[in-house]
Structure formats: structure tokens, C-alpha cells
N, C-alpha and C. Protein backbone atom coordinates (compact mmCIF):
# COMPACT_ATOMS: atom_id res chain seq x y z
N UNK A 1 0.85 -1.18 0.00
CA UNK A 1 0.00 0.00 0.00
C UNK A 1 0.89 1.23 0.00
N UNK A 2 0.40 2.30 -0.58
CA UNK A 2 1.17 3.51 -0.70
C UNK A 2 0.86 4.45 0.46
N UNK A 3 1.58 5.55 0.51
CA UNK A 3 1.30 6.56 1.52
C UNK A 3 0.18 7.48 1.09
N UNK A 4 -0.47 7.19 -0.02
CA UNK A 4 -1.59 7.98 -0.49
C UNK A 4 -2.65 8.02 0.62
N UNK A 5 -3.12 9.21 0.90
CA UNK A 5 -4.07 9.36 1.99
C UNK A 5 -5.43 8.80 1.61
N UNK A 6 -6.20 8.49 2.62
CA UNK A 6 -7.56 7.99 2.39
C UNK A 6 -8.40 9.04 1.67
N UNK A 7 -8.19 10.32 1.99
CA UNK A 7 -8.96 11.36 1.31
C UNK A 7 -8.59 11.43 -0.17
N UNK A 8 -7.33 11.20 -0.52
CA UNK A 8 -6.94 11.17 -1.94
C UNK A 8 -7.58 9.98 -2.62
N UNK A 9 -7.57 8.81 -1.98
CA UNK A 9 -8.21 7.63 -2.56
C UNK A 9 -9.69 7.89 -2.80
N UNK A 10 -10.33 8.49 -1.81
CA UNK A 10 -11.76 8.79 -1.94
C UNK A 10 -12.02 9.76 -3.09
N UNK A 11 -11.18 10.79 -3.21
CA UNK A 11 -11.30 11.74 -4.31
C UNK A 11 -11.18 11.02 -5.65
N UNK A 12 -10.15 10.21 -5.79
CA UNK A 12 -9.93 9.49 -7.05
C UNK A 12 -11.11 8.57 -7.36
N UNK A 13 -11.50 7.79 -6.40
CA UNK A 13 -12.60 6.85 -6.59
C UNK A 13 -13.90 7.57 -6.95
N UNK A 14 -14.12 8.73 -6.35
CA UNK A 14 -15.35 9.48 -6.63
C UNK A 14 -15.40 10.01 -8.06
N UNK A 15 -14.26 10.06 -8.73
CA UNK A 15 -14.21 10.57 -10.10
C UNK A 15 -14.13 9.45 -11.14
N UNK A 16 -14.25 8.20 -10.71
CA UNK A 16 -14.26 7.06 -11.62
C UNK A 16 -15.70 6.61 -11.79
N UNK A 17 -16.15 6.63 -13.03
CA UNK A 17 -17.55 6.34 -13.33
C UNK A 17 -17.70 4.88 -13.76
N UNK A 18 -18.71 4.22 -13.20
CA UNK A 18 -19.05 2.86 -13.63
C UNK A 18 -19.99 2.94 -14.83
N UNK A 19 -19.64 2.19 -15.88
CA UNK A 19 -20.49 2.12 -17.07
C UNK A 19 -20.87 0.65 -17.25
N UNK A 20 -22.14 0.36 -17.00
CA UNK A 20 -22.63 -1.02 -17.07
C UNK A 20 -22.69 -1.51 -18.52
N UNK A 21 -22.39 -2.79 -18.68
CA UNK A 21 -22.52 -3.48 -19.97
C UNK A 21 -21.66 -2.87 -21.08
N UNK A 22 -20.48 -2.38 -20.72
CA UNK A 22 -19.55 -1.85 -21.72
C UNK A 22 -18.19 -2.49 -21.50
N UNK A 23 -17.53 -2.99 -22.49
CA UNK A 23 -17.86 -2.97 -23.92
C UNK A 23 -18.81 -4.11 -24.35
N UNK A 24 -19.20 -4.96 -23.39
CA UNK A 24 -20.14 -6.03 -23.72
C UNK A 24 -21.01 -6.31 -22.50
N UNK A 25 -22.14 -6.95 -22.70
CA UNK A 25 -23.05 -7.23 -21.58
C UNK A 25 -22.34 -7.99 -20.46
N UNK A 26 -22.64 -7.57 -19.23
CA UNK A 26 -22.07 -8.22 -18.06
C UNK A 26 -20.79 -7.59 -17.55
N UNK A 27 -20.20 -6.66 -18.30
CA UNK A 27 -18.95 -6.00 -17.90
C UNK A 27 -19.29 -4.65 -17.28
N UNK A 28 -18.67 -4.36 -16.14
CA UNK A 28 -18.79 -3.04 -15.50
C UNK A 28 -17.49 -2.29 -15.79
N UNK A 29 -17.52 -1.41 -16.76
CA UNK A 29 -16.35 -0.65 -17.19
C UNK A 29 -16.07 0.48 -16.21
N UNK A 30 -14.80 0.65 -15.86
CA UNK A 30 -14.37 1.72 -14.97
C UNK A 30 -13.82 2.85 -15.83
N UNK A 31 -14.60 3.91 -15.99
CA UNK A 31 -14.26 5.04 -16.86
C UNK A 31 -13.52 6.10 -16.06
N UNK A 32 -12.26 6.36 -16.43
CA UNK A 32 -11.45 7.35 -15.71
C UNK A 32 -11.52 8.74 -16.34
N UNK A 33 -12.28 8.92 -17.41
CA UNK A 33 -12.31 10.24 -18.05
C UNK A 33 -12.84 11.34 -17.13
N UNK A 34 -13.81 11.08 -16.23
CA UNK A 34 -14.19 12.16 -15.30
C UNK A 34 -13.03 12.57 -14.38
N UNK A 35 -12.20 11.63 -13.98
CA UNK A 35 -11.04 11.93 -13.16
C UNK A 35 -10.06 12.80 -13.93
N UNK A 36 -9.82 12.45 -15.19
CA UNK A 36 -8.89 13.23 -16.01
C UNK A 36 -9.40 14.64 -16.27
N UNK A 37 -10.73 14.81 -16.31
CA UNK A 37 -11.33 16.11 -16.57
C UNK A 37 -11.32 17.02 -15.35
N UNK A 38 -11.09 16.47 -14.17
CA UNK A 38 -11.08 17.24 -12.92
C UNK A 38 -9.63 17.59 -12.59
N UNK A 39 -9.23 18.87 -12.70
CA UNK A 39 -7.82 19.20 -12.47
C UNK A 39 -7.33 18.90 -11.06
N UNK A 40 -8.19 18.99 -10.07
CA UNK A 40 -7.77 18.68 -8.70
C UNK A 40 -7.50 17.19 -8.56
N UNK A 41 -8.41 16.36 -9.06
CA UNK A 41 -8.23 14.91 -8.96
C UNK A 41 -7.06 14.44 -9.82
N UNK A 42 -6.93 14.98 -11.03
CA UNK A 42 -5.84 14.57 -11.92
C UNK A 42 -4.48 14.96 -11.31
N UNK A 43 -4.41 16.13 -10.69
CA UNK A 43 -3.18 16.54 -10.03
C UNK A 43 -2.86 15.64 -8.85
N UNK A 44 -3.88 15.30 -8.06
CA UNK A 44 -3.67 14.39 -6.92
C UNK A 44 -3.16 13.04 -7.40
N UNK A 45 -3.72 12.53 -8.49
CA UNK A 45 -3.27 11.26 -9.06
C UNK A 45 -1.83 11.37 -9.54
N UNK A 46 -1.52 12.41 -10.27
CA UNK A 46 -0.17 12.62 -10.79
C UNK A 46 0.84 12.70 -9.64
N UNK A 47 0.50 13.46 -8.61
CA UNK A 47 1.40 13.61 -7.46
C UNK A 47 1.62 12.27 -6.75
N UNK A 48 0.54 11.51 -6.55
CA UNK A 48 0.66 10.22 -5.85
C UNK A 48 1.53 9.24 -6.64
N UNK A 49 1.35 9.17 -7.94
CA UNK A 49 2.15 8.25 -8.76
C UNK A 49 3.61 8.72 -8.85
N UNK A 50 3.82 10.04 -8.95
CA UNK A 50 5.20 10.56 -8.99
C UNK A 50 5.93 10.24 -7.69
N UNK A 51 5.23 10.36 -6.56
CA UNK A 51 5.83 10.04 -5.27
C UNK A 51 6.26 8.58 -5.21
N UNK A 52 5.43 7.68 -5.75
CA UNK A 52 5.79 6.26 -5.79
C UNK A 52 7.04 6.03 -6.63
N UNK A 53 7.10 6.69 -7.78
CA UNK A 53 8.26 6.52 -8.67
C UNK A 53 9.54 6.95 -7.97
N UNK A 54 9.50 8.08 -7.29
CA UNK A 54 10.68 8.58 -6.60
C UNK A 54 11.02 7.71 -5.40
N UNK A 55 10.01 7.26 -4.66
CA UNK A 55 10.26 6.41 -3.49
C UNK A 55 10.95 5.11 -3.88
N UNK A 56 10.61 4.58 -5.05
CA UNK A 56 11.20 3.31 -5.49
C UNK A 56 12.45 3.50 -6.34
N UNK A 57 12.97 4.72 -6.40
CA UNK A 57 14.25 4.97 -7.05
C UNK A 57 14.22 4.88 -8.56
N UNK A 58 13.08 5.16 -9.17
CA UNK A 58 12.99 5.10 -10.64
C UNK A 58 13.85 6.18 -11.27
N UNK A 59 14.44 5.85 -12.42
CA UNK A 59 15.16 6.83 -13.22
C UNK A 59 14.41 7.16 -14.50
N UNK A 60 13.49 6.28 -14.90
CA UNK A 60 12.62 6.52 -16.05
C UNK A 60 11.28 5.85 -15.79
N UNK A 61 10.29 6.33 -16.52
CA UNK A 61 8.94 5.79 -16.42
C UNK A 61 8.53 5.22 -17.76
N UNK A 62 7.98 4.01 -17.71
CA UNK A 62 7.40 3.39 -18.90
C UNK A 62 5.89 3.48 -18.76
N UNK A 63 5.24 3.97 -19.80
CA UNK A 63 3.78 4.05 -19.84
C UNK A 63 3.25 3.05 -20.84
N UNK A 64 2.16 2.37 -20.46
CA UNK A 64 1.58 1.33 -21.31
C UNK A 64 0.45 1.90 -22.15
N UNK A 65 0.45 1.54 -23.42
CA UNK A 65 -0.59 2.00 -24.33
C UNK A 65 -1.93 1.47 -23.88
N UNK A 66 -2.96 2.27 -23.93
CA UNK A 66 -2.98 3.65 -24.36
C UNK A 66 -3.22 4.58 -23.19
N UNK A 67 -4.08 4.20 -22.26
CA UNK A 67 -4.38 5.12 -21.16
C UNK A 67 -3.19 5.28 -20.21
N UNK A 68 -2.30 4.33 -20.19
CA UNK A 68 -1.09 4.48 -19.38
C UNK A 68 -0.25 5.66 -19.84
N UNK A 69 -0.31 5.99 -21.15
CA UNK A 69 0.41 7.17 -21.65
C UNK A 69 -0.13 8.44 -20.99
N UNK A 70 -1.47 8.50 -20.88
CA UNK A 70 -2.11 9.70 -20.33
C UNK A 70 -1.64 9.95 -18.90
N UNK A 71 -1.42 8.89 -18.15
CA UNK A 71 -0.96 9.04 -16.77
C UNK A 71 0.55 9.18 -16.67
N UNK A 72 1.27 8.36 -17.41
CA UNK A 72 2.73 8.28 -17.25
C UNK A 72 3.45 9.55 -17.68
N UNK A 73 2.99 10.20 -18.73
CA UNK A 73 3.69 11.39 -19.21
C UNK A 73 3.68 12.52 -18.16
N UNK A 74 2.54 12.91 -17.59
CA UNK A 74 2.60 13.95 -16.56
C UNK A 74 3.30 13.49 -15.28
N UNK A 75 3.22 12.21 -14.97
CA UNK A 75 3.95 11.69 -13.81
C UNK A 75 5.45 11.85 -14.02
N UNK A 76 5.92 11.53 -15.23
CA UNK A 76 7.34 11.69 -15.54
C UNK A 76 7.77 13.15 -15.39
N UNK A 77 6.96 14.07 -15.90
CA UNK A 77 7.29 15.49 -15.78
C UNK A 77 7.33 15.89 -14.30
N UNK A 78 6.32 15.48 -13.54
CA UNK A 78 6.24 15.84 -12.11
C UNK A 78 7.45 15.29 -11.34
N UNK A 79 7.87 14.06 -11.67
CA UNK A 79 8.98 13.42 -10.97
C UNK A 79 10.35 13.82 -11.53
N UNK A 80 10.36 14.55 -12.65
CA UNK A 80 11.63 14.95 -13.26
C UNK A 80 12.35 13.78 -13.92
N UNK A 81 11.57 12.84 -14.47
CA UNK A 81 12.13 11.64 -15.09
C UNK A 81 11.74 11.56 -16.56
N UNK A 82 12.45 10.72 -17.31
CA UNK A 82 12.12 10.50 -18.70
C UNK A 82 10.93 9.55 -18.84
N UNK A 83 10.27 9.62 -19.99
CA UNK A 83 9.12 8.79 -20.30
C UNK A 83 9.42 7.95 -21.53
N UNK A 84 9.13 6.65 -21.46
CA UNK A 84 9.33 5.73 -22.57
C UNK A 84 8.02 4.97 -22.80
N UNK A 85 7.48 5.02 -24.02
CA UNK A 85 6.22 4.31 -24.27
C UNK A 85 6.43 2.84 -24.62
N UNK A 86 5.51 2.01 -24.13
CA UNK A 86 5.37 0.64 -24.61
C UNK A 86 4.13 0.66 -25.47
N UNK A 87 4.31 0.31 -26.76
CA UNK A 87 3.22 0.45 -27.74
C UNK A 87 2.79 -0.90 -28.28
N UNK A 88 1.62 -0.91 -28.86
CA UNK A 88 1.15 -2.09 -29.59
C UNK A 88 2.09 -2.32 -30.76
N UNK A 89 2.21 -3.56 -31.17
CA UNK A 89 3.12 -3.92 -32.26
C UNK A 89 2.83 -3.11 -33.52
N UNK A 90 3.91 -2.66 -34.15
CA UNK A 90 3.80 -1.94 -35.41
C UNK A 90 3.58 -0.45 -35.28
N UNK A 91 3.58 0.10 -34.08
CA UNK A 91 3.30 1.53 -33.87
C UNK A 91 4.56 2.37 -33.64
N UNK A 92 5.70 1.73 -33.38
CA UNK A 92 6.95 2.46 -33.17
C UNK A 92 7.83 2.37 -34.41
N UNK A 93 8.42 3.48 -34.83
CA UNK A 93 9.34 3.43 -35.98
C UNK A 93 10.69 2.87 -35.55
N UNK A 94 11.42 2.37 -36.50
CA UNK A 94 12.77 1.90 -36.22
C UNK A 94 12.81 0.55 -35.54
N UNK A 95 14.01 0.23 -35.03
CA UNK A 95 14.24 -1.06 -34.39
C UNK A 95 13.54 -1.11 -33.03
N UNK A 96 12.89 -2.23 -32.78
CA UNK A 96 12.18 -2.41 -31.52
C UNK A 96 12.42 -3.81 -30.97
N UNK A 97 12.16 -3.95 -29.68
CA UNK A 97 12.03 -5.26 -29.06
C UNK A 97 10.54 -5.51 -28.93
N UNK A 98 10.10 -6.74 -29.17
CA UNK A 98 8.68 -7.04 -29.04
C UNK A 98 8.47 -8.23 -28.12
N UNK A 99 7.27 -8.28 -27.54
CA UNK A 99 6.92 -9.35 -26.62
C UNK A 99 5.45 -9.68 -26.79
N UNK A 100 5.17 -10.94 -27.08
CA UNK A 100 3.79 -11.41 -27.18
C UNK A 100 3.29 -11.81 -25.79
N UNK A 101 1.98 -11.74 -25.60
CA UNK A 101 1.37 -12.17 -24.34
C UNK A 101 -0.04 -12.67 -24.61
N UNK A 102 -0.54 -13.42 -23.65
CA UNK A 102 -1.85 -14.05 -23.78
C UNK A 102 -2.97 -13.10 -23.37
N UNK A 103 -4.02 -13.12 -24.16
CA UNK A 103 -5.26 -12.44 -23.84
C UNK A 103 -6.30 -13.50 -23.49
N UNK A 104 -7.47 -13.03 -23.08
CA UNK A 104 -8.54 -13.98 -22.76
C UNK A 104 -8.88 -14.85 -23.97
N UNK A 105 -8.89 -14.24 -25.16
CA UNK A 105 -9.22 -14.97 -26.39
C UNK A 105 -8.18 -14.71 -27.46
N UNK A 106 -6.93 -15.14 -27.24
CA UNK A 106 -5.90 -14.97 -28.25
C UNK A 106 -4.64 -14.40 -27.66
N UNK A 107 -3.88 -13.71 -28.51
CA UNK A 107 -2.62 -13.11 -28.08
C UNK A 107 -2.53 -11.67 -28.59
N UNK A 108 -1.63 -10.92 -28.00
CA UNK A 108 -1.31 -9.57 -28.44
C UNK A 108 0.20 -9.41 -28.33
N UNK A 109 0.69 -8.27 -28.81
CA UNK A 109 2.12 -8.03 -28.79
C UNK A 109 2.38 -6.56 -28.52
N UNK A 110 3.41 -6.28 -27.70
CA UNK A 110 3.82 -4.90 -27.42
C UNK A 110 5.29 -4.74 -27.77
N UNK A 111 5.69 -3.47 -27.98
CA UNK A 111 7.05 -3.17 -28.40
C UNK A 111 7.60 -1.97 -27.63
N UNK A 112 8.93 -1.89 -27.62
CA UNK A 112 9.63 -0.77 -27.00
C UNK A 112 10.90 -0.50 -27.80
N UNK A 113 11.36 0.74 -27.79
CA UNK A 113 12.67 1.07 -28.35
C UNK A 113 13.72 0.74 -27.29
N UNK A 114 14.51 -0.26 -27.53
CA UNK A 114 15.51 -0.69 -26.56
C UNK A 114 16.54 0.39 -26.28
N UNK A 115 16.85 1.22 -27.26
CA UNK A 115 17.88 2.25 -27.06
C UNK A 115 17.45 3.34 -26.09
N UNK A 116 16.17 3.39 -25.74
CA UNK A 116 15.69 4.38 -24.79
C UNK A 116 15.95 3.97 -23.33
N UNK A 117 16.41 2.75 -23.12
CA UNK A 117 16.70 2.23 -21.79
C UNK A 117 18.16 1.80 -21.71
N UNK A 118 18.72 1.86 -20.50
CA UNK A 118 20.10 1.41 -20.32
C UNK A 118 20.21 0.57 -19.06
N UNK A 119 21.36 -0.06 -18.90
CA UNK A 119 21.59 -0.90 -17.72
C UNK A 119 21.56 -0.09 -16.42
N UNK A 120 21.78 1.22 -16.52
CA UNK A 120 21.74 2.08 -15.33
C UNK A 120 20.33 2.50 -14.94
N UNK A 121 19.36 2.23 -15.81
CA UNK A 121 17.99 2.68 -15.55
C UNK A 121 17.23 1.74 -14.63
N UNK A 122 16.46 2.37 -13.73
CA UNK A 122 15.48 1.67 -12.88
C UNK A 122 14.11 2.17 -13.35
N UNK A 123 13.33 1.26 -13.88
CA UNK A 123 12.09 1.61 -14.58
C UNK A 123 10.87 1.35 -13.71
N UNK A 124 10.01 2.36 -13.62
CA UNK A 124 8.70 2.21 -12.99
C UNK A 124 7.68 2.16 -14.12
N UNK A 125 6.88 1.11 -14.14
CA UNK A 125 5.82 0.94 -15.14
C UNK A 125 4.56 1.58 -14.58
N UNK A 126 3.93 2.43 -15.39
CA UNK A 126 2.70 3.12 -14.99
C UNK A 126 1.58 2.73 -15.96
N UNK A 127 0.42 2.40 -15.38
CA UNK A 127 -0.77 2.14 -16.19
C UNK A 127 -1.99 2.59 -15.41
N UNK A 128 -3.11 2.66 -16.10
CA UNK A 128 -4.34 3.08 -15.43
C UNK A 128 -4.93 1.95 -14.60
N UNK A 129 -5.04 0.76 -15.19
CA UNK A 129 -5.72 -0.35 -14.54
C UNK A 129 -4.89 -1.63 -14.65
N UNK A 130 -4.81 -2.35 -13.55
CA UNK A 130 -4.26 -3.70 -13.58
C UNK A 130 -5.47 -4.64 -13.61
N UNK A 131 -5.61 -5.33 -14.73
CA UNK A 131 -6.70 -6.30 -14.88
C UNK A 131 -6.11 -7.70 -14.74
N UNK A 132 -5.83 -8.35 -15.86
CA UNK A 132 -5.28 -9.71 -15.80
C UNK A 132 -3.76 -9.73 -15.72
N UNK A 133 -3.11 -8.58 -15.97
CA UNK A 133 -1.66 -8.48 -15.84
C UNK A 133 -0.87 -8.82 -17.10
N UNK A 134 -1.55 -9.14 -18.19
CA UNK A 134 -0.84 -9.54 -19.40
C UNK A 134 0.06 -8.47 -19.98
N UNK A 135 -0.46 -7.27 -20.14
CA UNK A 135 0.34 -6.18 -20.72
C UNK A 135 1.48 -5.80 -19.79
N UNK A 136 1.19 -5.71 -18.51
CA UNK A 136 2.25 -5.37 -17.55
C UNK A 136 3.35 -6.42 -17.54
N UNK A 137 2.98 -7.69 -17.55
CA UNK A 137 3.97 -8.76 -17.57
C UNK A 137 4.85 -8.72 -18.81
N UNK A 138 4.23 -8.49 -19.96
CA UNK A 138 5.00 -8.38 -21.21
C UNK A 138 5.94 -7.18 -21.15
N UNK A 139 5.49 -6.09 -20.57
CA UNK A 139 6.32 -4.89 -20.45
C UNK A 139 7.52 -5.12 -19.54
N UNK A 140 7.31 -5.83 -18.46
CA UNK A 140 8.43 -6.15 -17.56
C UNK A 140 9.49 -6.98 -18.29
N UNK A 141 9.03 -7.92 -19.09
CA UNK A 141 9.97 -8.73 -19.89
C UNK A 141 10.75 -7.86 -20.86
N UNK A 142 10.07 -6.93 -21.53
CA UNK A 142 10.75 -6.03 -22.48
C UNK A 142 11.79 -5.17 -21.78
N UNK A 143 11.45 -4.65 -20.62
CA UNK A 143 12.38 -3.80 -19.87
C UNK A 143 13.65 -4.58 -19.53
N UNK A 144 13.48 -5.78 -19.06
CA UNK A 144 14.65 -6.60 -18.72
C UNK A 144 15.45 -6.99 -19.96
N UNK A 145 14.76 -7.32 -21.04
CA UNK A 145 15.47 -7.66 -22.29
C UNK A 145 16.25 -6.47 -22.83
N UNK A 146 15.78 -5.26 -22.56
CA UNK A 146 16.49 -4.05 -22.99
C UNK A 146 17.68 -3.76 -22.08
N UNK A 147 17.82 -4.52 -21.00
CA UNK A 147 18.97 -4.37 -20.11
C UNK A 147 18.73 -3.50 -18.89
N UNK A 148 17.53 -2.98 -18.72
CA UNK A 148 17.24 -2.11 -17.58
C UNK A 148 16.72 -2.93 -16.40
N UNK A 149 16.67 -2.28 -15.25
CA UNK A 149 16.14 -2.89 -14.03
C UNK A 149 14.70 -2.43 -13.82
N UNK A 150 13.92 -3.26 -13.15
CA UNK A 150 12.53 -2.92 -12.85
C UNK A 150 12.46 -2.37 -11.42
N UNK A 151 12.02 -1.12 -11.30
CA UNK A 151 11.82 -0.51 -9.98
C UNK A 151 10.46 -0.90 -9.40
N UNK A 152 9.49 -1.15 -10.28
CA UNK A 152 8.17 -1.54 -9.83
C UNK A 152 7.10 -1.22 -10.84
N UNK A 153 5.86 -1.49 -10.46
CA UNK A 153 4.69 -1.20 -11.26
C UNK A 153 3.73 -0.41 -10.38
N UNK A 154 3.16 0.66 -10.92
CA UNK A 154 2.18 1.46 -10.19
C UNK A 154 0.97 1.70 -11.09
N UNK A 155 -0.21 1.48 -10.53
CA UNK A 155 -1.45 1.67 -11.28
C UNK A 155 -2.42 2.51 -10.47
N UNK A 156 -3.28 3.19 -11.17
CA UNK A 156 -4.36 3.91 -10.51
C UNK A 156 -5.28 2.92 -9.81
N UNK A 157 -5.68 1.87 -10.53
CA UNK A 157 -6.71 0.97 -10.01
C UNK A 157 -6.39 -0.47 -10.35
N UNK A 158 -6.55 -1.33 -9.36
CA UNK A 158 -6.40 -2.77 -9.55
C UNK A 158 -7.78 -3.41 -9.46
N UNK A 159 -8.12 -4.21 -10.47
CA UNK A 159 -9.35 -4.98 -10.45
C UNK A 159 -9.03 -6.31 -9.79
N UNK A 160 -9.12 -6.34 -8.47
CA UNK A 160 -8.67 -7.47 -7.67
C UNK A 160 -9.32 -8.79 -8.03
N UNK A 161 -10.56 -8.76 -8.47
CA UNK A 161 -11.29 -9.98 -8.80
C UNK A 161 -10.75 -10.68 -10.04
N UNK A 162 -9.89 -10.02 -10.81
CA UNK A 162 -9.30 -10.65 -12.01
C UNK A 162 -7.95 -11.31 -11.73
N UNK A 163 -7.44 -11.20 -10.51
CA UNK A 163 -6.22 -11.89 -10.07
C UNK A 163 -4.96 -11.53 -10.85
N UNK A 164 -4.90 -10.32 -11.41
CA UNK A 164 -3.71 -9.89 -12.13
C UNK A 164 -2.47 -9.86 -11.26
N UNK A 165 -2.62 -9.49 -10.00
CA UNK A 165 -1.48 -9.42 -9.08
C UNK A 165 -0.83 -10.80 -8.94
N UNK A 166 -1.65 -11.83 -8.77
CA UNK A 166 -1.11 -13.19 -8.66
C UNK A 166 -0.41 -13.62 -9.93
N UNK A 167 -0.99 -13.28 -11.08
CA UNK A 167 -0.39 -13.66 -12.36
C UNK A 167 0.93 -12.94 -12.60
N UNK A 168 1.11 -11.76 -12.01
CA UNK A 168 2.33 -10.98 -12.21
C UNK A 168 3.47 -11.33 -11.27
N UNK A 169 3.21 -12.10 -10.23
CA UNK A 169 4.23 -12.36 -9.21
C UNK A 169 5.55 -12.82 -9.81
N UNK A 170 5.52 -13.78 -10.71
CA UNK A 170 6.76 -14.28 -11.31
C UNK A 170 7.45 -13.20 -12.13
N UNK A 171 6.68 -12.44 -12.91
CA UNK A 171 7.26 -11.38 -13.75
C UNK A 171 7.85 -10.25 -12.92
N UNK A 172 7.26 -9.98 -11.76
CA UNK A 172 7.76 -8.90 -10.90
C UNK A 172 9.11 -9.23 -10.28
N UNK A 173 9.36 -10.52 -10.02
CA UNK A 173 10.63 -10.95 -9.41
C UNK A 173 10.98 -10.14 -8.16
N UNK A 174 9.98 -9.90 -7.34
CA UNK A 174 10.20 -9.20 -6.08
C UNK A 174 10.03 -7.69 -6.15
N UNK A 175 9.90 -7.13 -7.34
CA UNK A 175 9.66 -5.69 -7.46
C UNK A 175 8.24 -5.38 -6.95
N UNK A 176 8.04 -4.18 -6.40
CA UNK A 176 6.73 -3.87 -5.85
C UNK A 176 5.67 -3.61 -6.92
N UNK A 177 4.44 -3.92 -6.58
CA UNK A 177 3.27 -3.58 -7.37
C UNK A 177 2.38 -2.74 -6.48
N UNK A 178 2.16 -1.48 -6.87
CA UNK A 178 1.40 -0.55 -6.05
C UNK A 178 0.14 -0.12 -6.80
N UNK A 179 -1.01 -0.23 -6.14
CA UNK A 179 -2.29 0.23 -6.68
C UNK A 179 -2.84 1.29 -5.73
N UNK A 180 -3.21 2.44 -6.27
CA UNK A 180 -3.78 3.48 -5.42
C UNK A 180 -5.18 3.10 -4.95
N UNK A 181 -5.90 2.36 -5.80
CA UNK A 181 -7.26 1.91 -5.49
C UNK A 181 -7.37 0.45 -5.89
N UNK A 182 -8.02 -0.36 -5.07
CA UNK A 182 -8.34 -1.74 -5.44
C UNK A 182 -9.84 -1.93 -5.36
N UNK A 183 -10.41 -2.43 -6.44
CA UNK A 183 -11.86 -2.71 -6.48
C UNK A 183 -12.07 -4.17 -6.81
């Protein structure tokens, strides 16, 4: 658990909207756009994530496509760190490292520019939601293959009922996983 105050958690949670039956019947989608539209809540989120990055000794931040970019870029600025995107396959120009991972119904692939990371870097992965952990796990593999160290993973919200934390244990290799909110 982070040092994020209960009042900050309550503020963040109050700005996350539940959308029933999206994107398909039976799913309760957690919409963070009201949080992003509220400058007080968005600033509180940015500050809390930046504090985690600095506490864990990060030297760069990796943001996961697509909503992770929205969070990771201002967190990197707030923490005074560089930002490196992990993108869906085929979206980055030039030479990349790629990593496939399992989805509920198939596979997907993410990529990173290896030259943006070095052996001296301690990387904090930032995303909006931890669901099943597939994208985060693939990203951790890419970071290590690029020669960098993993400082940890930080997310706005963990969907605890999907067991992503348990699935990520091996990929984390002891690095911390921090969620500001768990639902």
C-alpha cells in the first residue's frame, strides 16, 4: 500500500464512473475520463504516482498503451524523469524489441525502443488499470530484455477480482506492485 491518503483515494474513486454493460453485456467498465477532466483529482493522481516513482528509485517511467500514456507522461514530468512508451506492435518506428502475451481470447504483442533504456535505468511501469496483468507482464519482460532494471509497477486501479497481481508475481521478481485503489 502507498502513503496515499484515504482522502486522496476517496477523491480518485469518486471521479471514476461505472459504465454497465460496456464494452459487452455483463462487464462493468471503470471510466477514468471524469477523473482526467477534474484538475484537482488529476493533479492528486499525478502527485501520488510521482511520489511512488521517486520512493522506489525510478530513473525513467514506462507508460503502457494507451491510457497508461495519459498518466505516465505527466507523472514523468512531475517526478523529473524520462518517459518511454510501450506500444502495440507496429506503432513504433525503427528497431524495436517485441513481446507477445496471452489475452482472454488470443494473443497480443507490445514493443519498446531498446535504445531508450540502459543498464543504469530503474524503470517504474505506470498504467491506469491492472486487470489480468498480461500487458504489464509483457512490459516487464521487455524492460529486462532491454537491459534495464525494474523498480516496480504502479497503477491507478487494480481490479482485484481478475487476479492480475497473482499472475504478475513471477514477472515482478520481487519488485513492488502498487495500486492506489483496489476494487
